[in-house]
């Protein structure tokens, strides 16, 4: 009977390790997607023109 308990414990531990491994892969994939989205968003922000002050009127204009 103790061998059966040890075998069941080993199977349970293997199941927990497998679950933790798959969870780590899923979380890392989500983090990588978020990182790539942030990088592409930062690249798009360079397309937005900055405002510069017009010396004649004092108003800020794109350019």
C-alpha atoms as a PDB file:
ATOM      1  CA  UNK A   1       0.000   0.000   0.000  1.00  0.00           C
ATOM      2  CA  UNK A   2       2.779   2.585   0.689  1.00  0.00           C
ATOM      3  CA  UNK A   3       4.083   2.078  -2.855  1.00  0.00           C
ATOM      4  CA  UNK A   4       0.644   2.983  -4.204  1.00  0.00           C
ATOM      5  CA  UNK A   5       0.587   6.164  -2.110  1.00  0.00           C
ATOM      6  CA  UNK A   6       4.075   7.100  -3.326  1.00  0.00           C
ATOM      7  CA  UNK A   7       3.042   6.441  -6.925  1.00  0.00           C
ATOM      8  CA  UNK A   8      -0.091   8.584  -6.526  1.00  0.00           C
ATOM      9  CA  UNK A   9       1.997  11.346  -4.953  1.00  0.00           C
ATOM     10  CA  UNK A  10       4.460  11.212  -7.841  1.00  0.00           C
ATOM     11  CA  UNK A  11       1.612  11.454 -10.370  1.00  0.00           C
ATOM     12  CA  UNK A  12       0.131  14.367  -8.466  1.00  0.00           C
ATOM     13  CA  UNK A  13       3.481  16.141  -8.370  1.00  0.00           C
ATOM     14  CA  UNK A  14       3.936  15.555 -12.100  1.00  0.00           C
ATOM     15  CA  UNK A  15       0.504  17.046 -12.756  1.00  0.00           C
ATOM     16  CA  UNK A  16       1.360  20.137 -10.695  1.00  0.00           C
ATOM     17  CA  UNK A  17       4.689  20.589 -12.506  1.00  0.00           C
ATOM     18  CA  UNK A  18       2.964  20.251 -15.888  1.00  0.00           C
ATOM     19  CA  UNK A  19       0.317  22.793 -14.879  1.00  0.00           C
ATOM     20  CA  UNK A  20       2.952  25.251 -13.616  1.00  0.00           C
ATOM     21  CA  UNK A  21       4.990  24.861 -16.813  1.00  0.00           C
ATOM     22  CA  UNK A  22       1.996  25.512 -19.064  1.00  0.00           C
ATOM     23  CA  UNK A  23       0.956  28.494 -16.942  1.00  0.00           C
ATOM     24  CA  UNK A  24       4.461  29.965 -17.176  1.00  0.00           C
ATOM     25  CA  UNK A  25       4.427  29.567 -20.962  1.00  0.00           C
ATOM     26  CA  UNK A  26       1.017  31.239 -21.200  1.00  0.00           C
ATOM     27  CA  UNK A  27       2.016  34.149 -18.971  1.00  0.00           C
ATOM     28  CA  UNK A  28       5.278  34.674 -20.874  1.00  0.00           C
ATOM     29  CA  UNK A  29       3.377  34.697 -24.174  1.00  0.00           C
ATOM     30  CA  UNK A  30       0.947  37.308 -22.833  1.00  0.00           C
ATOM     31  CA  UNK A  31       3.829  39.446 -21.579  1.00  0.00           C
ATOM     32  CA  UNK A  32       5.605  39.192 -24.934  1.00  0.00           C
ATOM     33  CA  UNK A  33       2.433  40.263 -26.776  1.00  0.00           C
ATOM     34  CA  UNK A  34       2.022  43.228 -24.422  1.00  0.00           C
ATOM     35  CA  UNK A  35       5.672  44.198 -24.897  1.00  0.00           C
ATOM     36  CA  UNK A  36       5.396  44.039 -28.685  1.00  0.00           C
ATOM     37  CA  UNK A  37       2.189  46.092 -28.614  1.00  0.00           C
ATOM     38  CA  UNK A  38       3.913  48.715 -26.504  1.00  0.00           C
ATOM     39  CA  UNK A  39       6.903  48.846 -28.857  1.00  0.00           C
ATOM     40  CA  UNK A  40       4.678  49.258 -31.907  1.00  0.00           C
ATOM     41  CA  UNK A  41       2.689  51.943 -30.086  1.00  0.00           C
ATOM     42  CA  UNK A  42       5.894  53.826 -29.320  1.00  0.00           C
ATOM     43  CA  UNK A  43       6.894  53.589 -32.968  1.00  0.00           C
ATOM     44  CA  UNK A  44       3.566  55.099 -34.005  1.00  0.00           C
ATOM     45  CA  UNK A  45       3.994  58.007 -31.578  1.00  0.00           C
ATOM     46  CA  UNK A  46       6.915  59.242 -33.701  1.00  0.00           C
ATOM     47  CA  UNK A  47       4.439  59.794 -36.539  1.00  0.00           C
ATOM     48  CA  UNK A  48       2.611  62.412 -34.497  1.00  0.00           C
ATOM     49  CA  UNK A  49       4.021  65.858 -35.281  1.00  0.00           C
ATOM     50  CA  UNK A  50       5.306  67.885 -32.368  1.00  0.00           C
ATOM     51  CA  UNK A  51       4.034  71.357 -31.671  1.00  0.00           C
ATOM     52  CA  UNK A  52       6.347  74.282 -32.244  1.00  0.00           C
ATOM     53  CA  UNK A  53       5.785  77.853 -31.225  1.00  0.00           C
ATOM     54  CA  UNK A  54       5.142  80.319 -34.037  1.00  0.00           C
ATOM     55  CA  UNK A  55       7.438  83.296 -33.309  1.00  0.00           C
ATOM     56  CA  UNK A  56       5.041  85.779 -34.938  1.00  0.00           C
ATOM     57  CA  UNK A  57       1.791  84.870 -33.180  1.00  0.00           C
ATOM     58  CA  UNK A  58       3.046  82.907 -30.178  1.00  0.00           C
ATOM     59  CA  UNK A  59       0.613  80.115 -30.982  1.00  0.00           C
ATOM     60  CA  UNK A  60       1.716  76.507 -31.057  1.00  0.00           C
ATOM     61  CA  UNK A  61       1.432  74.816 -34.437  1.00  0.00           C
ATOM     62  CA  UNK A  62       2.364  71.353 -35.727  1.00  0.00           C
ATOM     63  CA  UNK A  63       5.655  71.220 -37.498  1.00  0.00           C
END
